[in-house]
């Protein structure tokens, strides 16, 4: 399946490699500059950057989809494409976070256990404490759980683009439905594209 997807990708980029590369470069430079400039403003700039970065990333995804589908796309259309769906992008992110709440909580608990175990180890002068060991095990298990569960929602932004009238919850649930039985394929697919980078 991966080889077929790569072949389709090559075909869809025929005659468009230069534009795809330039789109990626323009997006990367502008995104970097915005992030850099906003981070010069303590706290507020970082918060603004956190809010607009996913929106710009969605806009870039839309630009790439349009390029793939041979639609007209300008080099800075990712601003318009992203900000036109600002609320919906954040609605999808919010719904995804709600679906991911249990692994997120498990990761937070594991970090707390590691910290408590580490402090008690330092204060008592003994080896790595039971809580720290338990925290590390829980952290590894929770991280794997979060990554695997996160694969369920990787199609949400694609679904949003093709179905702008669908509500955020339905978009996230549709992604979850479409990814059933395909998480391993999604994990493997980017690895097969390493040579393209």
N, C-alpha and C. Protein backbone atom coordinates (compact mmCIF):
# COMPACT_ATOMS: atom_id res chain seq x y z
N UNK A 1 0.83 -1.20 0.00
CA UNK A 1 0.00 0.00 0.00
C UNK A 1 0.87 1.26 0.00
N UNK A 2 1.94 1.26 0.79
CA UNK A 2 2.82 2.44 0.86
C UNK A 2 3.42 2.77 -0.49
N UNK A 3 3.84 1.73 -1.24
CA UNK A 3 4.44 1.98 -2.54
C UNK A 3 3.42 2.57 -3.51
N UNK A 4 2.16 2.13 -3.39
CA UNK A 4 1.10 2.69 -4.24
C UNK A 4 0.85 4.15 -3.88
N UNK A 5 0.85 4.47 -2.59
CA UNK A 5 0.63 5.85 -2.15
C UNK A 5 1.78 6.74 -2.64
N UNK A 6 3.02 6.23 -2.55
CA UNK A 6 4.16 7.00 -3.04
C UNK A 6 4.06 7.25 -4.55
N UNK A 7 3.63 6.23 -5.28
CA UNK A 7 3.47 6.37 -6.74
C UNK A 7 2.41 7.41 -7.06
N UNK A 8 1.29 7.38 -6.32
CA UNK A 8 0.23 8.37 -6.53
C UNK A 8 0.73 9.78 -6.18
N UNK A 9 1.54 9.87 -5.13
CA UNK A 9 2.09 11.17 -4.74
C UNK A 9 3.01 11.72 -5.83
N UNK A 10 3.86 10.84 -6.37
CA UNK A 10 4.75 11.27 -7.46
C UNK A 10 3.94 11.75 -8.66
N UNK A 11 2.91 10.99 -9.02
CA UNK A 11 2.07 11.38 -10.17
C UNK A 11 1.37 12.71 -9.93
N UNK A 12 0.86 12.90 -8.72
CA UNK A 12 0.13 14.15 -8.44
C UNK A 12 1.05 15.35 -8.39
N UNK A 13 2.35 15.12 -8.19
CA UNK A 13 3.32 16.23 -8.15
C UNK A 13 4.02 16.47 -9.49
N UNK A 14 3.67 15.69 -10.49
CA UNK A 14 4.29 15.87 -11.80
C UNK A 14 4.04 17.30 -12.28
N UNK A 15 5.13 18.00 -12.58
CA UNK A 15 5.04 19.38 -13.04
C UNK A 15 4.78 20.38 -11.92
N UNK A 16 4.72 19.92 -10.67
CA UNK A 16 4.40 20.81 -9.54
C UNK A 16 5.47 20.79 -8.45
N UNK A 17 6.56 20.05 -8.68
CA UNK A 17 7.58 19.91 -7.64
C UNK A 17 8.11 21.28 -7.20
N UNK A 18 8.40 22.15 -8.15
CA UNK A 18 8.94 23.47 -7.83
C UNK A 18 7.98 24.28 -6.98
N UNK A 19 6.70 24.27 -7.38
CA UNK A 19 5.70 25.04 -6.62
C UNK A 19 5.52 24.46 -5.22
N UNK A 20 5.52 23.12 -5.12
CA UNK A 20 5.38 22.48 -3.80
C UNK A 20 6.55 22.86 -2.90
N UNK A 21 7.76 22.83 -3.45
CA UNK A 21 8.95 23.18 -2.66
C UNK A 21 8.90 24.64 -2.25
N UNK A 22 8.50 25.53 -3.18
CA UNK A 22 8.44 26.96 -2.87
C UNK A 22 7.34 27.26 -1.85
N UNK A 23 6.19 26.60 -1.98
CA UNK A 23 5.12 26.75 -0.99
C UNK A 23 5.62 26.37 0.40
N UNK A 24 6.33 25.24 0.47
CA UNK A 24 6.85 24.76 1.75
C UNK A 24 7.88 25.74 2.31
N UNK A 25 8.75 26.25 1.45
CA UNK A 25 9.77 27.20 1.89
C UNK A 25 9.14 28.49 2.39
N UNK A 26 8.19 29.04 1.63
CA UNK A 26 7.53 30.29 2.03
C UNK A 26 6.81 30.10 3.36
N UNK A 27 6.06 29.00 3.49
CA UNK A 27 5.37 28.73 4.74
C UNK A 27 6.36 28.61 5.89
N UNK A 28 7.42 27.83 5.70
CA UNK A 28 8.41 27.62 6.76
C UNK A 28 9.06 28.91 7.22
N UNK A 29 9.43 29.76 6.27
CA UNK A 29 10.09 31.04 6.61
C UNK A 29 9.11 31.95 7.34
N UNK A 30 7.90 32.09 6.81
CA UNK A 30 6.92 33.00 7.44
C UNK A 30 6.53 32.48 8.82
N UNK A 31 6.31 31.19 8.94
CA UNK A 31 5.96 30.60 10.24
C UNK A 31 7.08 30.83 11.25
N UNK A 32 8.32 30.62 10.81
CA UNK A 32 9.47 30.84 11.69
C UNK A 32 9.55 32.31 12.12
N UNK A 33 9.39 33.23 11.17
CA UNK A 33 9.48 34.66 11.50
C UNK A 33 8.38 35.08 12.47
N UNK A 34 7.17 34.61 12.22
CA UNK A 34 6.05 34.96 13.13
C UNK A 34 6.34 34.43 14.52
N UNK A 35 6.74 33.18 14.62
CA UNK A 35 7.05 32.58 15.92
C UNK A 35 8.19 33.32 16.60
N UNK A 36 9.25 33.62 15.85
CA UNK A 36 10.40 34.33 16.40
C UNK A 36 10.00 35.70 16.94
N UNK A 37 9.26 36.46 16.13
CA UNK A 37 8.86 37.81 16.54
C UNK A 37 7.91 37.78 17.74
N UNK A 38 6.96 36.85 17.72
CA UNK A 38 6.02 36.77 18.85
C UNK A 38 6.72 36.35 20.14
N UNK A 39 7.73 35.50 20.01
CA UNK A 39 8.45 35.06 21.21
C UNK A 39 9.33 36.16 21.81
N UNK A 40 9.49 37.26 21.08
CA UNK A 40 10.21 38.41 21.64
C UNK A 40 9.37 39.13 22.69
N UNK A 41 8.06 38.91 22.63
CA UNK A 41 7.14 39.50 23.60
C UNK A 41 6.87 38.43 24.67
N UNK A 42 7.43 38.62 25.86
CA UNK A 42 7.29 37.58 26.90
C UNK A 42 5.83 37.23 27.18
N UNK A 43 5.59 35.96 27.39
CA UNK A 43 4.30 35.38 27.77
C UNK A 43 3.23 35.57 26.69
N UNK A 44 2.84 36.82 26.43
CA UNK A 44 1.73 37.09 25.52
C UNK A 44 2.08 36.62 24.10
N UNK A 45 3.30 36.90 23.66
CA UNK A 45 3.72 36.50 22.32
C UNK A 45 3.70 34.99 22.15
N UNK A 46 4.19 34.29 23.17
CA UNK A 46 4.18 32.83 23.11
C UNK A 46 2.78 32.27 23.07
N UNK A 47 1.88 32.90 23.80
CA UNK A 47 0.48 32.47 23.82
C UNK A 47 -0.18 32.71 22.46
N UNK A 48 0.07 33.88 21.88
CA UNK A 48 -0.47 34.19 20.55
C UNK A 48 0.07 33.20 19.52
N UNK A 49 1.37 32.91 19.62
CA UNK A 49 2.00 31.95 18.71
C UNK A 49 1.35 30.58 18.83
N UNK A 50 1.08 30.17 20.06
CA UNK A 50 0.43 28.88 20.32
C UNK A 50 -0.96 28.83 19.70
N UNK A 51 -1.65 29.97 19.67
CA UNK A 51 -3.01 30.03 19.15
C UNK A 51 -3.02 30.04 17.61
N UNK A 52 -2.10 30.77 16.98
CA UNK A 52 -2.16 30.89 15.52
C UNK A 52 -1.38 29.83 14.76
N UNK A 53 -0.39 29.19 15.39
CA UNK A 53 0.42 28.20 14.67
C UNK A 53 -0.42 27.05 14.11
N UNK A 54 -1.34 26.44 14.88
CA UNK A 54 -2.15 25.36 14.30
C UNK A 54 -3.04 25.84 13.15
N UNK A 55 -3.49 27.09 13.23
CA UNK A 55 -4.35 27.65 12.19
C UNK A 55 -3.56 27.82 10.90
N UNK A 56 -2.33 28.33 11.01
CA UNK A 56 -1.47 28.48 9.84
C UNK A 56 -1.09 27.11 9.27
N UNK A 57 -0.85 26.14 10.15
CA UNK A 57 -0.51 24.78 9.68
C UNK A 57 -1.69 24.19 8.90
N UNK A 58 -2.91 24.42 9.38
CA UNK A 58 -4.08 23.95 8.63
C UNK A 58 -4.15 24.65 7.28
N UNK A 59 -3.90 25.95 7.26
CA UNK A 59 -3.90 26.69 6.00
C UNK A 59 -2.88 26.15 5.02
N UNK A 60 -1.70 25.77 5.52
CA UNK A 60 -0.67 25.18 4.67
C UNK A 60 -1.13 23.83 4.13
N UNK A 61 -1.76 23.03 4.98
CA UNK A 61 -2.30 21.73 4.55
C UNK A 61 -3.30 21.93 3.41
N UNK A 62 -4.17 22.92 3.56
CA UNK A 62 -5.16 23.22 2.52
C UNK A 62 -4.46 23.60 1.21
N UNK A 63 -3.41 24.41 1.31
CA UNK A 63 -2.66 24.80 0.11
C UNK A 63 -2.07 23.58 -0.59
N UNK A 64 -1.51 22.66 0.18
CA UNK A 64 -0.92 21.45 -0.40
C UNK A 64 -1.99 20.57 -1.02
N UNK A 65 -3.15 20.45 -0.36
CA UNK A 65 -4.25 19.66 -0.92
C UNK A 65 -4.70 20.27 -2.25
N UNK A 66 -4.85 21.59 -2.27
CA UNK A 66 -5.26 22.27 -3.50
C UNK A 66 -4.23 22.05 -4.61
N UNK A 67 -2.97 22.13 -4.28
CA UNK A 67 -1.92 21.90 -5.27
C UNK A 67 -2.02 20.47 -5.81
N UNK A 68 -2.20 19.51 -4.92
CA UNK A 68 -2.32 18.11 -5.32
C UNK A 68 -3.52 17.90 -6.24
N UNK A 69 -4.59 18.62 -5.98
CA UNK A 69 -5.82 18.46 -6.77
C UNK A 69 -5.84 19.38 -7.99
N UNK A 70 -4.71 20.00 -8.29
CA UNK A 70 -4.55 20.88 -9.45
C UNK A 70 -5.48 22.09 -9.40
N UNK A 71 -5.75 22.59 -8.20
CA UNK A 71 -6.53 23.81 -8.03
C UNK A 71 -5.56 24.98 -7.92
N UNK A 72 -6.05 26.18 -8.14
CA UNK A 72 -5.21 27.37 -8.02
C UNK A 72 -4.87 27.61 -6.56
N UNK A 73 -3.60 27.90 -6.30
CA UNK A 73 -3.17 28.20 -4.94
C UNK A 73 -2.01 29.19 -5.00
N UNK A 74 -2.13 30.25 -4.18
CA UNK A 74 -1.07 31.24 -4.10
C UNK A 74 -0.08 30.90 -2.99
N UNK A 75 1.06 31.55 -3.02
CA UNK A 75 2.13 31.21 -2.08
C UNK A 75 1.84 31.61 -0.64
N UNK A 76 0.95 32.57 -0.44
CA UNK A 76 0.61 32.95 0.95
C UNK A 76 -0.87 32.73 1.24
N UNK A 77 -1.52 31.88 0.44
CA UNK A 77 -2.93 31.57 0.66
C UNK A 77 -3.17 30.86 1.99
N UNK A 78 -2.09 30.30 2.58
CA UNK A 78 -2.27 29.58 3.84
C UNK A 78 -2.81 30.49 4.94
N UNK A 79 -2.55 31.82 4.84
CA UNK A 79 -3.14 32.75 5.82
C UNK A 79 -4.66 32.72 5.70
N UNK A 80 -5.15 32.97 4.49
CA UNK A 80 -6.59 33.00 4.25
C UNK A 80 -7.22 31.64 4.52
N UNK A 81 -6.61 30.58 3.99
CA UNK A 81 -7.16 29.23 4.17
C UNK A 81 -7.26 28.85 5.64
N UNK A 82 -6.28 29.26 6.42
CA UNK A 82 -6.28 28.94 7.85
C UNK A 82 -7.25 29.79 8.64
N UNK A 83 -7.13 31.11 8.48
CA UNK A 83 -7.93 32.00 9.32
C UNK A 83 -9.41 31.99 8.96
N UNK A 84 -9.76 31.57 7.73
CA UNK A 84 -11.18 31.43 7.37
C UNK A 84 -11.84 30.31 8.18
N UNK A 85 -11.03 29.37 8.68
CA UNK A 85 -11.56 28.25 9.46
C UNK A 85 -11.03 28.27 10.90
N UNK A 86 -10.64 29.44 11.38
CA UNK A 86 -10.02 29.59 12.70
C UNK A 86 -10.81 28.86 13.79
N UNK A 87 -12.09 29.18 13.90
CA UNK A 87 -12.93 28.58 14.96
C UNK A 87 -13.06 27.08 14.80
N UNK A 88 -13.21 26.63 13.56
CA UNK A 88 -13.39 25.20 13.30
C UNK A 88 -12.10 24.43 13.59
N UNK A 89 -10.94 25.02 13.23
CA UNK A 89 -9.66 24.36 13.52
C UNK A 89 -9.52 24.16 15.02
N UNK A 90 -9.82 25.20 15.79
CA UNK A 90 -9.71 25.09 17.24
C UNK A 90 -10.81 24.20 17.83
N UNK A 91 -11.96 24.15 17.18
CA UNK A 91 -13.00 23.22 17.62
C UNK A 91 -12.54 21.78 17.48
N UNK A 92 -11.88 21.47 16.36
CA UNK A 92 -11.36 20.12 16.13
C UNK A 92 -10.25 19.81 17.14
N UNK A 93 -9.38 20.78 17.39
CA UNK A 93 -8.32 20.58 18.38
C UNK A 93 -8.93 20.31 19.76
N UNK A 94 -9.93 21.10 20.13
CA UNK A 94 -10.60 20.92 21.43
C UNK A 94 -11.24 19.55 21.56
N UNK A 95 -11.94 19.12 20.52
CA UNK A 95 -12.58 17.79 20.54
C UNK A 95 -11.54 16.67 20.61
N UNK A 96 -10.41 16.88 19.92
CA UNK A 96 -9.33 15.89 19.96
C UNK A 96 -8.75 15.79 21.37
N UNK A 97 -8.54 16.94 22.01
CA UNK A 97 -8.01 16.95 23.37
C UNK A 97 -8.97 16.23 24.32
N UNK A 98 -10.28 16.46 24.14
CA UNK A 98 -11.26 15.76 24.98
C UNK A 98 -11.16 14.25 24.80
N UNK A 99 -10.98 13.80 23.56
CA UNK A 99 -10.83 12.36 23.30
C UNK A 99 -9.53 11.81 23.87
N UNK A 100 -8.52 12.67 24.02
CA UNK A 100 -7.19 12.25 24.49
C UNK A 100 -6.99 12.48 25.98
N UNK A 101 -8.04 12.87 26.69
CA UNK A 101 -7.90 13.31 28.08
C UNK A 101 -7.32 12.22 28.99
N UNK A 102 -7.73 10.97 28.83
CA UNK A 102 -7.23 9.92 29.73
C UNK A 102 -5.72 9.69 29.57
N UNK A 103 -5.20 9.51 28.36
CA UNK A 103 -3.74 9.36 28.27
C UNK A 103 -2.98 10.61 28.72
N UNK A 104 -3.56 11.78 28.49
CA UNK A 104 -2.91 13.03 28.94
C UNK A 104 -2.83 13.05 30.46
N UNK A 105 -3.93 12.71 31.13
CA UNK A 105 -3.95 12.66 32.60
C UNK A 105 -2.94 11.62 33.10
N UNK A 106 -2.88 10.47 32.45
CA UNK A 106 -1.94 9.42 32.86
C UNK A 106 -0.49 9.91 32.74
N UNK A 107 -0.19 10.66 31.68
CA UNK A 107 1.17 11.21 31.52
C UNK A 107 1.47 12.21 32.62
N UNK A 108 0.51 13.08 32.94
CA UNK A 108 0.70 14.07 34.01
C UNK A 108 0.94 13.37 35.35
N UNK A 109 0.14 12.35 35.64
CA UNK A 109 0.31 11.60 36.90
C UNK A 109 1.69 10.95 36.95
N UNK A 110 2.12 10.38 35.83
CA UNK A 110 3.44 9.73 35.80
C UNK A 110 4.56 10.73 36.05
N UNK A 111 4.44 11.93 35.51
CA UNK A 111 5.46 12.97 35.73
C UNK A 111 5.49 13.38 37.19
N UNK A 112 4.30 13.50 37.80
CA UNK A 112 4.22 13.83 39.23
C UNK A 112 4.88 12.74 40.07
N UNK A 113 4.60 11.48 39.73
CA UNK A 113 5.22 10.36 40.46
C UNK A 113 6.74 10.37 40.32
N UNK A 114 7.23 10.64 39.11
CA UNK A 114 8.68 10.72 38.88
C UNK A 114 9.29 11.84 39.73
N UNK A 115 8.61 13.00 39.75
CA UNK A 115 9.12 14.14 40.53
C UNK A 115 9.14 13.83 42.02
N UNK A 116 8.04 13.28 42.53
CA UNK A 116 7.98 12.95 43.96
C UNK A 116 9.03 11.90 44.30
N UNK A 117 9.13 10.86 43.46
CA UNK A 117 10.14 9.82 43.68
C UNK A 117 11.55 10.36 43.61
N UNK A 118 11.79 11.27 42.69
CA UNK A 118 13.12 11.88 42.57
C UNK A 118 13.49 12.72 43.77
N UNK A 119 12.52 13.52 44.25
CA UNK A 119 12.77 14.37 45.42
C UNK A 119 13.02 13.50 46.65
N UNK A 120 12.21 12.46 46.83
CA UNK A 120 12.40 11.60 48.01
C UNK A 120 13.73 10.85 47.93
N UNK A 121 14.16 10.52 46.71
CA UNK A 121 15.45 9.85 46.54
C UNK A 121 16.59 10.79 46.92
N UNK A 122 16.50 12.05 46.49
CA UNK A 122 17.54 13.04 46.79
C UNK A 122 17.59 13.33 48.29
N UNK A 123 16.43 13.47 48.91
CA UNK A 123 16.40 13.81 50.33
C UNK A 123 16.82 12.64 51.22
N UNK A 124 16.50 11.41 50.79
CA UNK A 124 16.86 10.26 51.63
C UNK A 124 18.25 9.71 51.30
N UNK A 125 18.77 10.05 50.13
CA UNK A 125 20.10 9.60 49.73
C UNK A 125 20.15 8.16 49.26
N UNK A 126 18.99 7.54 49.10
CA UNK A 126 18.96 6.16 48.64
C UNK A 126 18.80 6.12 47.12
N UNK A 127 18.81 4.92 46.55
CA UNK A 127 18.67 4.75 45.11
C UNK A 127 17.31 5.23 44.63
N UNK A 128 17.06 5.02 43.36
CA UNK A 128 15.81 5.47 42.75
C UNK A 128 14.62 4.87 43.49
N UNK A 129 13.75 5.72 44.00
CA UNK A 129 12.61 5.29 44.80
C UNK A 129 11.55 4.55 44.00
N UNK A 130 10.72 3.83 44.75
CA UNK A 130 9.63 3.05 44.15
C UNK A 130 8.71 3.94 43.31
N UNK A 131 8.37 5.13 43.85
CA UNK A 131 7.47 6.03 43.12
C UNK A 131 8.08 6.48 41.80
N UNK A 132 9.39 6.74 41.79
CA UNK A 132 10.05 7.16 40.56
C UNK A 132 10.03 6.04 39.52
N UNK A 133 10.30 4.81 39.97
CA UNK A 133 10.28 3.66 39.06
C UNK A 133 8.86 3.46 38.51
N UNK A 134 7.87 3.52 39.40
CA UNK A 134 6.48 3.40 38.99
C UNK A 134 6.11 4.50 38.00
N UNK A 135 6.59 5.73 38.28
CA UNK A 135 6.33 6.87 37.40
C UNK A 135 6.92 6.68 36.01
N UNK A 136 8.15 6.16 35.94
CA UNK A 136 8.81 5.93 34.65
C UNK A 136 8.04 4.88 33.85
N UNK A 137 7.64 3.80 34.50
CA UNK A 137 6.87 2.74 33.82
C UNK A 137 5.54 3.30 33.32
N UNK A 138 4.84 4.03 34.20
CA UNK A 138 3.57 4.63 33.82
C UNK A 138 3.75 5.63 32.68
N UNK A 139 4.85 6.38 32.72
CA UNK A 139 5.11 7.38 31.67
C UNK A 139 5.29 6.70 30.31
N UNK A 140 6.07 5.63 30.27
CA UNK A 140 6.32 4.93 29.00
C UNK A 140 5.01 4.34 28.46
N UNK A 141 4.25 3.68 29.34
CA UNK A 141 2.97 3.08 28.93
C UNK A 141 2.00 4.17 28.46
N UNK A 142 1.92 5.27 29.21
CA UNK A 142 0.99 6.36 28.87
C UNK A 142 1.37 7.03 27.56
N UNK A 143 2.67 7.20 27.35
CA UNK A 143 3.14 7.83 26.12
C UNK A 143 2.79 6.97 24.90
N UNK A 144 3.01 5.67 25.02
CA UNK A 144 2.65 4.76 23.92
C UNK A 144 1.14 4.81 23.69
N UNK A 145 0.37 4.79 24.76
CA UNK A 145 -1.10 4.87 24.68
C UNK A 145 -1.50 6.16 23.97
N UNK A 146 -0.90 7.30 24.37
CA UNK A 146 -1.24 8.59 23.77
C UNK A 146 -0.90 8.62 22.28
N UNK A 147 0.25 8.09 21.92
CA UNK A 147 0.65 8.10 20.51
C UNK A 147 -0.31 7.25 19.67
N UNK A 148 -0.59 6.04 20.15
CA UNK A 148 -1.49 5.15 19.40
C UNK A 148 -2.88 5.76 19.31
N UNK A 149 -3.38 6.29 20.42
CA UNK A 149 -4.71 6.92 20.42
C UNK A 149 -4.71 8.16 19.53
N UNK A 150 -3.62 8.92 19.55
CA UNK A 150 -3.51 10.12 18.73
C UNK A 150 -3.61 9.83 17.24
N UNK A 151 -3.17 8.64 16.82
CA UNK A 151 -3.28 8.25 15.41
C UNK A 151 -4.74 8.21 14.96
N UNK A 152 -5.66 8.04 15.89
CA UNK A 152 -7.09 8.00 15.54
C UNK A 152 -7.58 9.33 14.97
N UNK A 153 -6.87 10.40 15.26
CA UNK A 153 -7.39 11.74 14.92
C UNK A 153 -6.56 12.45 13.85
N UNK A 154 -5.65 11.72 13.21
CA UNK A 154 -4.76 12.36 12.23
C UNK A 154 -5.48 12.81 10.96
N UNK A 155 -6.63 12.26 10.69
CA UNK A 155 -7.37 12.64 9.48
C UNK A 155 -8.33 13.80 9.70
N UNK A 156 -8.43 14.28 10.93
CA UNK A 156 -9.44 15.29 11.26
C UNK A 156 -9.33 16.55 10.41
N UNK A 157 -8.12 17.05 10.19
CA UNK A 157 -7.99 18.29 9.42
C UNK A 157 -8.30 18.08 7.94
N UNK A 158 -8.00 16.89 7.42
CA UNK A 158 -8.36 16.58 6.04
C UNK A 158 -9.88 16.54 5.90
N UNK A 159 -10.52 15.91 6.89
CA UNK A 159 -11.99 15.82 6.88
C UNK A 159 -12.58 17.22 7.00
N UNK A 160 -12.00 18.06 7.84
CA UNK A 160 -12.47 19.44 7.99
C UNK A 160 -12.42 20.17 6.65
N UNK A 161 -11.32 20.02 5.92
CA UNK A 161 -11.21 20.71 4.64
C UNK A 161 -12.29 20.27 3.66
N UNK A 162 -12.51 18.96 3.57
CA UNK A 162 -13.48 18.44 2.62
C UNK A 162 -14.93 18.58 3.09
N UNK A 163 -15.13 18.81 4.38
CA UNK A 163 -16.48 18.91 4.95
C UNK A 163 -16.58 20.12 5.89
N UNK A 164 -16.46 21.33 5.36
CA UNK A 164 -16.43 22.52 6.24
C UNK A 164 -17.73 22.75 7.03
N UNK A 165 -18.82 22.14 6.59
CA UNK A 165 -20.09 22.33 7.30
C UNK A 165 -20.30 21.29 8.41
N UNK A 166 -19.43 20.29 8.48
CA UNK A 166 -19.55 19.27 9.51
C UNK A 166 -19.10 19.86 10.85
N UNK A 167 -19.77 19.52 11.94
CA UNK A 167 -19.37 20.06 13.24
C UNK A 167 -18.10 19.36 13.73
N UNK A 168 -17.37 20.03 14.63
CA UNK A 168 -16.06 19.57 15.10
C UNK A 168 -16.11 18.17 15.70
N UNK A 169 -17.11 17.91 16.51
CA UNK A 169 -17.22 16.59 17.16
C UNK A 169 -17.37 15.49 16.11
N UNK A 170 -18.21 15.72 15.10
CA UNK A 170 -18.42 14.73 14.04
C UNK A 170 -17.16 14.52 13.23
N UNK A 171 -16.38 15.58 13.01
CA UNK A 171 -15.13 15.48 12.27
C UNK A 171 -14.16 14.55 13.00
N UNK A 172 -14.01 14.77 14.30
CA UNK A 172 -13.09 13.96 15.10
C UNK A 172 -13.57 12.51 15.17
N UNK A 173 -14.86 12.31 15.32
CA UNK A 173 -15.40 10.94 15.35
C UNK A 173 -15.24 10.24 14.01
N UNK A 174 -15.39 10.98 12.90
CA UNK A 174 -15.21 10.41 11.57
C UNK A 174 -13.75 9.97 11.37
N UNK A 175 -12.82 10.79 11.85
CA UNK A 175 -11.40 10.44 11.76
C UNK A 175 -11.14 9.15 12.54
N UNK A 176 -11.70 9.08 13.73
CA UNK A 176 -11.54 7.89 14.58
C UNK A 176 -12.09 6.65 13.86
N UNK A 177 -13.23 6.80 13.23
CA UNK A 177 -13.86 5.69 12.50
C UNK A 177 -12.99 5.26 11.31
N UNK A 178 -12.51 6.23 10.54
CA UNK A 178 -11.71 5.92 9.35
C UNK A 178 -10.35 5.29 9.70
N UNK A 179 -9.82 5.61 10.88
CA UNK A 179 -8.50 5.11 11.25
C UNK A 179 -8.55 3.74 11.93
N UNK A 180 -9.74 3.22 12.21
CA UNK A 180 -9.82 1.89 12.84
C UNK A 180 -9.17 0.86 11.92
N UNK A 181 -8.19 0.15 12.47
CA UNK A 181 -7.48 -0.86 11.70
C UNK A 181 -6.39 -0.32 10.80
N UNK A 182 -6.14 0.99 10.85
CA UNK A 182 -5.15 1.60 9.96
C UNK A 182 -4.05 2.36 10.70
N UNK A 183 -3.99 2.24 12.01
CA UNK A 183 -3.00 3.01 12.78
C UNK A 183 -1.57 2.58 12.45
N UNK A 184 -1.35 1.27 12.33
CA UNK A 184 -0.01 0.81 12.00
C UNK A 184 0.42 1.31 10.61
N UNK A 185 -0.51 1.29 9.66
CA UNK A 185 -0.21 1.77 8.31
C UNK A 185 0.15 3.25 8.35
N UNK A 186 -0.56 4.03 9.20
CA UNK A 186 -0.26 5.46 9.33
C UNK A 186 1.12 5.66 9.96
N UNK A 187 1.44 4.84 10.94
CA UNK A 187 2.76 4.94 11.58
C UNK A 187 3.86 4.64 10.56
N UNK A 188 3.66 3.63 9.73
CA UNK A 188 4.67 3.18 8.79
C UNK A 188 4.82 4.11 7.58
N UNK A 189 3.71 4.73 7.15
CA UNK A 189 3.72 5.53 5.92
C UNK A 189 4.78 6.63 5.90
N UNK A 190 4.89 7.48 6.92
CA UNK A 190 5.93 8.53 6.87
C UNK A 190 7.34 7.96 6.82
N UNK A 191 7.54 6.79 7.42
CA UNK A 191 8.86 6.17 7.40
C UNK A 191 9.24 5.82 5.96
N UNK A 192 8.25 5.37 5.17
CA UNK A 192 8.53 5.01 3.79
C UNK A 192 8.84 6.23 2.93
N UNK A 193 8.51 7.42 3.42
CA UNK A 193 8.78 8.65 2.67
C UNK A 193 10.09 9.33 3.09
N UNK A 194 10.86 8.70 3.98
CA UNK A 194 12.09 9.33 4.49
C UNK A 194 13.01 9.77 3.36
N UNK A 195 13.13 8.95 2.33
CA UNK A 195 13.99 9.30 1.20
C UNK A 195 13.57 10.56 0.47
N UNK A 196 12.30 10.92 0.57
CA UNK A 196 11.79 12.12 -0.11
C UNK A 196 12.22 13.41 0.59
N UNK A 197 12.53 13.31 1.86
CA UNK A 197 12.85 14.51 2.62
C UNK A 197 14.09 15.19 2.04
